[in-house]
Amino acid sequence: GFEINAKTLPRLFLIAPSFTDVVKQIAKYVAIGVDLRLFEYQTVENEKGERGLICKELDFGQPPEPPRIMSLSDKAKHFEDAKVRKLWESVITELPTKQGIEVKAVSGLSVTLWYKGKRFMWMGPRKRWFSANVLSTAGGWAGLENITTRKEWDRFFNTKIKKYLDYLNASVGQ
């Protein structure tokens, strides 16, 4: 008899006269969890009036490799100034514990900061400082700041970050 092997990927064959580029692009990702094959066909007729199909399998390629997300400690290695590196490391450690902010590593050098499920800020290491920007209560970004000292960070936190966190807290209560 016929046995089903649960460890074998499901097989899916799609057959059509042609496939759009969008379908071919999506197929790359569907094929990660399914044995997917695309076939394009043409109908043919011979001189006796007999008809048939000619099928050609398409090679739709592979999905691109996902971007490598550097860890927070790898991002910190970008600093050439040890004092700024130490400030960066203390800031990304303090924000989650003291403020309930989630720090997420994203592609490139930057990190995004989230509060109550909303992205509200980003920071990125540079060689001798780190850049930070926070959303404004008026909409858009408040303005890029380059930070090198604890005093600059505290001012940025108290004038921009705290203001936006208070705004988020007030809007959640509505």
C-alpha atoms as a PDB file:
ATOM      1  CA  GLY A   1       0.000   0.000   0.000  1.00  0.00           C
ATOM      2  CA  PHE A   2       0.794   3.676  -0.139  1.00  0.00           C
ATOM      3  CA  GLU A   3       2.460   5.228   2.926  1.00  0.00           C
ATOM      4  CA  ILE A   4       2.634   8.895   3.845  1.00  0.00           C
ATOM      5  CA  ASN A   5       5.916  10.165   5.262  1.00  0.00           C
ATOM      6  CA  ALA A   6       5.214  13.155   7.525  1.00  0.00           C
ATOM      7  CA  LYS A   7       8.858  14.302   7.189  1.00  0.00           C
ATOM      8  CA  THR A   8       8.587  14.770   3.417  1.00  0.00           C
ATOM      9  CA  LEU A   9       7.745  18.262   2.191  1.00  0.00           C
ATOM     10  CA  PRO A  10       4.361  18.600   0.486  1.00  0.00           C
ATOM     11  CA  ARG A  11       4.634  18.754  -3.313  1.00  0.00           C
ATOM     12  CA  LEU A  12       2.860  21.467  -5.243  1.00  0.00           C
ATOM     13  CA  PHE A  13       2.836  21.674  -9.036  1.00  0.00           C
ATOM     14  CA  LEU A  14       1.437  24.797 -10.663  1.00  0.00           C
ATOM     15  CA  ILE A  15       0.729  24.590 -14.384  1.00  0.00           C
ATOM     16  CA  ALA A  16      -0.328  27.586 -16.468  1.00  0.00           C
ATOM     17  CA  PRO A  17       0.235  29.091 -19.925  1.00  0.00           C
ATOM     18  CA  SER A  18       2.514  31.653 -18.230  1.00  0.00           C
ATOM     19  CA  PHE A  19       3.366  33.065 -14.811  1.00  0.00           C
ATOM     20  CA  THR A  20       3.825  36.734 -13.922  1.00  0.00           C
ATOM     21  CA  ASP A  21       7.087  37.963 -12.426  1.00  0.00           C
ATOM     22  CA  VAL A  22       5.227  38.518  -9.137  1.00  0.00           C
ATOM     23  CA  VAL A  23       4.204  34.847  -8.980  1.00  0.00           C
ATOM     24  CA  LYS A  24       7.781  33.763  -9.739  1.00  0.00           C
ATOM     25  CA  GLN A  25       9.085  36.052  -6.978  1.00  0.00           C
ATOM     26  CA  ILE A  26       6.556  34.721  -4.438  1.00  0.00           C
ATOM     27  CA  ALA A  27       7.364  31.148  -5.491  1.00  0.00           C
ATOM     28  CA  LYS A  28      10.913  31.595  -4.145  1.00  0.00           C
ATOM     29  CA  TYR A  29       9.512  32.036  -0.644  1.00  0.00           C
ATOM     30  CA  VAL A  30       6.726  29.438  -0.871  1.00  0.00           C
ATOM     31  CA  ALA A  31       9.331  26.878  -1.939  1.00  0.00           C
ATOM     32  CA  ILE A  32      11.036  27.168   1.460  1.00  0.00           C
ATOM     33  CA  GLY A  33       8.347  24.956   3.038  1.00  0.00           C
ATOM     34  CA  VAL A  34       6.955  23.160  -0.014  1.00  0.00           C
ATOM     35  CA  ASP A  35       8.454  21.203  -2.917  1.00  0.00           C
ATOM     36  CA  LEU A  36       7.114  23.700  -5.471  1.00  0.00           C
ATOM     37  CA  ARG A  37       7.467  23.389  -9.219  1.00  0.00           C
ATOM     38  CA  LEU A  38       6.129  25.741 -11.872  1.00  0.00           C
ATOM     39  CA  PHE A  39       5.342  24.517 -15.375  1.00  0.00           C
ATOM     40  CA  GLU A  40       4.345  26.654 -18.330  1.00  0.00           C
ATOM     41  CA  TYR A  41       2.557  24.950 -21.196  1.00  0.00           C
ATOM     42  CA  GLN A  42       1.719  25.509 -24.824  1.00  0.00           C
ATOM     43  CA  THR A  43      -0.932  23.693 -26.772  1.00  0.00           C
ATOM     44  CA  VAL A  44       0.116  22.263 -30.121  1.00  0.00           C
ATOM     45  CA  GLU A  45      -1.797  20.668 -32.951  1.00  0.00           C
ATOM     46  CA  ASN A  46      -0.421  18.422 -35.659  1.00  0.00           C
ATOM     47  CA  GLU A  47      -1.563  18.159 -39.274  1.00  0.00           C
ATOM     48  CA  LYS A  48      -4.068  15.395 -38.349  1.00  0.00           C
ATOM     49  CA  GLY A  49      -5.817  17.760 -35.906  1.00  0.00           C
ATOM     50  CA  GLU A  50      -4.485  15.935 -32.838  1.00  0.00           C
ATOM     51  CA  ARG A  51      -3.732  18.250 -29.954  1.00  0.00           C
ATOM     52  CA  GLY A  52      -1.178  18.011 -27.187  1.00  0.00           C
ATOM     53  CA  LEU A  53       0.690  19.992 -24.578  1.00  0.00           C
ATOM     54  CA  ILE A  54       4.321  20.900 -24.345  1.00  0.00           C
ATOM     55  CA  CYS A  55       5.348  21.667 -20.763  1.00  0.00           C
ATOM     56  CA  LYS A  56       8.510  23.433 -19.652  1.00  0.00           C
ATOM     57  CA  GLU A  57       9.566  23.644 -16.000  1.00  0.00           C
ATOM     58  CA  LEU A  58      10.586  27.128 -14.871  1.00  0.00           C
ATOM     59  CA  ASP A  59      13.591  27.875 -12.715  1.00  0.00           C
ATOM     60  CA  PHE A  60      12.321  30.612 -10.398  1.00  0.00           C
ATOM     61  CA  GLY A  61      15.514  30.793  -8.322  1.00  0.00           C
ATOM     62  CA  GLN A  62      16.107  30.950  -4.603  1.00  0.00           C
ATOM     63  CA  PRO A  63      15.062  33.587  -2.072  1.00  0.00           C
ATOM     64  CA  PRO A  64      17.798  36.069  -1.211  1.00  0.00           C
ATOM     65  CA  GLU A  65      19.762  35.422   1.958  1.00  0.00           C
ATOM     66  CA  PRO A  66      18.241  37.304   4.896  1.00  0.00           C
ATOM     67  CA  PRO A  67      20.369  40.208   6.090  1.00  0.00           C
ATOM     68  CA  ARG A  68      22.758  39.338   8.880  1.00  0.00           C
ATOM     69  CA  ILE A  69      21.708  41.227  11.988  1.00  0.00           C
ATOM     70  CA  MET A  70      24.706  42.158  14.112  1.00  0.00           C
ATOM     71  CA  SER A  71      24.365  41.663  17.845  1.00  0.00           C
ATOM     72  CA  LEU A  72      24.363  44.668  20.160  1.00  0.00           C
ATOM     73  CA  SER A  73      27.896  43.790  21.278  1.00  0.00           C
ATOM     74  CA  ASP A  74      29.056  43.575  17.628  1.00  0.00           C
ATOM     75  CA  LYS A  75      27.556  47.009  16.985  1.00  0.00           C
ATOM     76  CA  ALA A  76      29.450  48.379  20.002  1.00  0.00           C
ATOM     77  CA  LYS A  77      32.736  47.225  18.442  1.00  0.00           C
ATOM     78  CA  HIS A  78      32.272  49.919  15.782  1.00  0.00           C
ATOM     79  CA  PHE A  79      33.254  52.626  18.295  1.00  0.00           C
ATOM     80  CA  GLU A  80      36.846  53.805  18.322  1.00  0.00           C
ATOM     81  CA  ASP A  81      36.289  55.946  21.443  1.00  0.00           C
ATOM     82  CA  ALA A  82      36.166  53.666  24.505  1.00  0.00           C
ATOM     83  CA  LYS A  83      34.255  56.218  26.639  1.00  0.00           C
ATOM     84  CA  VAL A  84      31.513  56.550  24.039  1.00  0.00           C
ATOM     85  CA  ARG A  85      31.364  52.750  23.667  1.00  0.00           C
ATOM     86  CA  LYS A  86      30.898  52.436  27.420  1.00  0.00           C
ATOM     87  CA  LEU A  87      28.151  55.115  27.379  1.00  0.00           C
ATOM     88  CA  TRP A  88      26.381  53.309  24.488  1.00  0.00           C
ATOM     89  CA  GLU A  89      26.538  49.995  26.330  1.00  0.00           C
ATOM     90  CA  SER A  90      25.184  51.521  29.544  1.00  0.00           C
ATOM     91  CA  VAL A  91      22.354  53.305  27.673  1.00  0.00           C
ATOM     92  CA  ILE A  92      21.171  50.170  25.832  1.00  0.00           C
ATOM     93  CA  THR A  93      21.325  48.247  29.123  1.00  0.00           C
ATOM     94  CA  GLU A  94      19.581  50.927  31.250  1.00  0.00           C
ATOM     95  CA  LEU A  95      16.683  51.715  28.911  1.00  0.00           C
ATOM     96  CA  PRO A  96      15.064  48.254  29.130  1.00  0.00           C
ATOM     97  CA  THR A  97      15.543  47.900  32.886  1.00  0.00           C
ATOM     98  CA  LYS A  98      14.651  51.435  34.012  1.00  0.00           C
ATOM     99  CA  GLN A  99      12.164  52.548  31.359  1.00  0.00           C
ATOM    100  CA  GLY A 100      10.621  49.342  29.981  1.00  0.00           C
ATOM    101  CA  ILE A 101      11.995  50.144  26.521  1.00  0.00           C
ATOM    102  CA  GLU A 102      12.846  47.277  24.184  1.00  0.00           C
ATOM    103  CA  VAL A 103      16.070  47.652  22.187  1.00  0.00           C
ATOM    104  CA  LYS A 104      16.051  45.713  18.902  1.00  0.00           C
ATOM    105  CA  ALA A 105      19.057  45.118  16.679  1.00  0.00           C
ATOM    106  CA  VAL A 106      18.247  45.780  13.008  1.00  0.00           C
ATOM    107  CA  SER A 107      20.323  45.462   9.837  1.00  0.00           C
ATOM    108  CA  GLY A 108      23.269  47.790   9.585  1.00  0.00           C
ATOM    109  CA  LEU A 109      24.677  49.476  12.680  1.00  0.00           C
ATOM    110  CA  SER A 110      21.450  50.946  14.048  1.00  0.00           C
ATOM    111  CA  VAL A 111      19.106  49.739  16.761  1.00  0.00           C
ATOM    112  CA  THR A 112      15.437  50.596  17.087  1.00  0.00           C
ATOM    113  CA  LEU A 113      13.777  51.358  20.399  1.00  0.00           C
ATOM    114  CA  TRP A 114      10.225  50.297  21.188  1.00  0.00           C
ATOM    115  CA  TYR A 115       7.843  51.257  23.965  1.00  0.00           C
ATOM    116  CA  LYS A 116       4.518  49.496  24.539  1.00  0.00           C
ATOM    117  CA  GLY A 117       4.743  47.882  21.108  1.00  0.00           C
ATOM    118  CA  LYS A 118       5.529  51.109  19.226  1.00  0.00           C
ATOM    119  CA  ARG A 119       8.822  51.975  17.567  1.00  0.00           C
ATOM    120  CA  PHE A 120       9.626  55.488  18.643  1.00  0.00           C
ATOM    121  CA  MET A 121      13.380  55.909  18.309  1.00  0.00           C
ATOM    122  CA  TRP A 122      16.582  54.707  16.698  1.00  0.00           C
ATOM    123  CA  MET A 123      20.254  54.955  17.622  1.00  0.00           C
ATOM    124  CA  GLY A 124      23.373  54.136  15.644  1.00  0.00           C
ATOM    125  CA  PRO A 125      27.039  53.910  16.635  1.00  0.00           C
ATOM    126  CA  ARG A 126      29.605  56.032  14.840  1.00  0.00           C
ATOM    127  CA  LYS A 127      33.340  55.906  15.436  1.00  0.00           C
ATOM    128  CA  ARG A 128      33.488  58.712  18.042  1.00  0.00           C
ATOM    129  CA  TRP A 129      29.799  59.293  18.957  1.00  0.00           C
ATOM    130  CA  PHE A 130      26.390  57.739  18.510  1.00  0.00           C
ATOM    131  CA  SER A 131      23.487  59.277  16.678  1.00  0.00           C
ATOM    132  CA  ALA A 132      19.961  59.177  18.051  1.00  0.00           C
ATOM    133  CA  ASN A 133      16.580  60.364  16.880  1.00  0.00           C
ATOM    134  CA  VAL A 134      13.163  60.113  18.489  1.00  0.00           C
ATOM    135  CA  LEU A 135       9.682  60.698  17.122  1.00  0.00           C
ATOM    136  CA  SER A 136       8.175  64.090  17.851  1.00  0.00           C
ATOM    137  CA  THR A 137       4.771  64.547  19.478  1.00  0.00           C
ATOM    138  CA  ALA A 138       3.992  66.861  16.519  1.00  0.00           C
ATOM    139  CA  GLY A 139       4.686  64.034  14.042  1.00  0.00           C
ATOM    140  CA  GLY A 140       7.874  63.120  12.203  1.00  0.00           C
ATOM    141  CA  TRP A 141      11.291  62.974  13.780  1.00  0.00           C
ATOM    142  CA  ALA A 142      12.434  65.415  16.476  1.00  0.00           C
ATOM    143  CA  GLY A 143      15.907  65.848  14.966  1.00  0.00           C
ATOM    144  CA  LEU A 144      19.154  63.918  14.862  1.00  0.00           C
ATOM    145  CA  GLU A 145      21.474  64.294  17.849  1.00  0.00           C
ATOM    146  CA  ASN A 146      25.106  63.183  18.038  1.00  0.00           C
ATOM    147  CA  ILE A 147      25.969  62.081  21.567  1.00  0.00           C
ATOM    148  CA  THR A 148      29.416  61.696  23.128  1.00  0.00           C
ATOM    149  CA  THR A 149      28.885  62.302  26.879  1.00  0.00           C
ATOM    150  CA  ARG A 150      26.507  61.285  29.661  1.00  0.00           C
ATOM    151  CA  LYS A 151      25.509  64.950  30.012  1.00  0.00           C
ATOM    152  CA  GLU A 152      24.471  65.098  26.319  1.00  0.00           C
ATOM    153  CA  TRP A 153      22.571  61.800  26.703  1.00  0.00           C
ATOM    154  CA  ASP A 154      20.756  62.962  29.857  1.00  0.00           C
ATOM    155  CA  ARG A 155      19.730  66.196  28.121  1.00  0.00           C
ATOM    156  CA  PHE A 156      18.500  64.242  25.059  1.00  0.00           C
ATOM    157  CA  PHE A 157      16.635  61.797  27.284  1.00  0.00           C
ATOM    158  CA  ASN A 158      14.996  64.472  29.441  1.00  0.00           C
ATOM    159  CA  THR A 159      14.028  66.854  26.614  1.00  0.00           C
ATOM    160  CA  LYS A 160      13.068  64.448  23.829  1.00  0.00           C
ATOM    161  CA  ILE A 161      12.714  60.815  24.896  1.00  0.00           C
ATOM    162  CA  LYS A 162      10.863  61.491  28.157  1.00  0.00           C
ATOM    163  CA  LYS A 163       8.529  63.904  26.355  1.00  0.00           C
ATOM    164  CA  TYR A 164       7.634  61.251  23.777  1.00  0.00           C
ATOM    165  CA  LEU A 165       7.230  58.491  26.390  1.00  0.00           C
ATOM    166  CA  ASP A 166       4.854  60.758  28.364  1.00  0.00           C
ATOM    167  CA  TYR A 167       2.924  61.393  25.141  1.00  0.00           C
ATOM    168  CA  LEU A 168       2.670  57.642  24.466  1.00  0.00           C
ATOM    169  CA  ASN A 169       1.555  56.966  28.040  1.00  0.00           C
ATOM    170  CA  ALA A 170      -1.153  59.652  27.791  1.00  0.00           C
ATOM    171  CA  SER A 171      -2.399  58.369  24.412  1.00  0.00           C
ATOM    172  CA  VAL A 172      -2.568  54.752  25.669  1.00  0.00           C
ATOM    173  CA  GLY A 173      -4.893  55.890  28.454  1.00  0.00           C
ATOM    174  CA  GLN A 174      -7.421  57.348  25.989  1.00  0.00           C
END
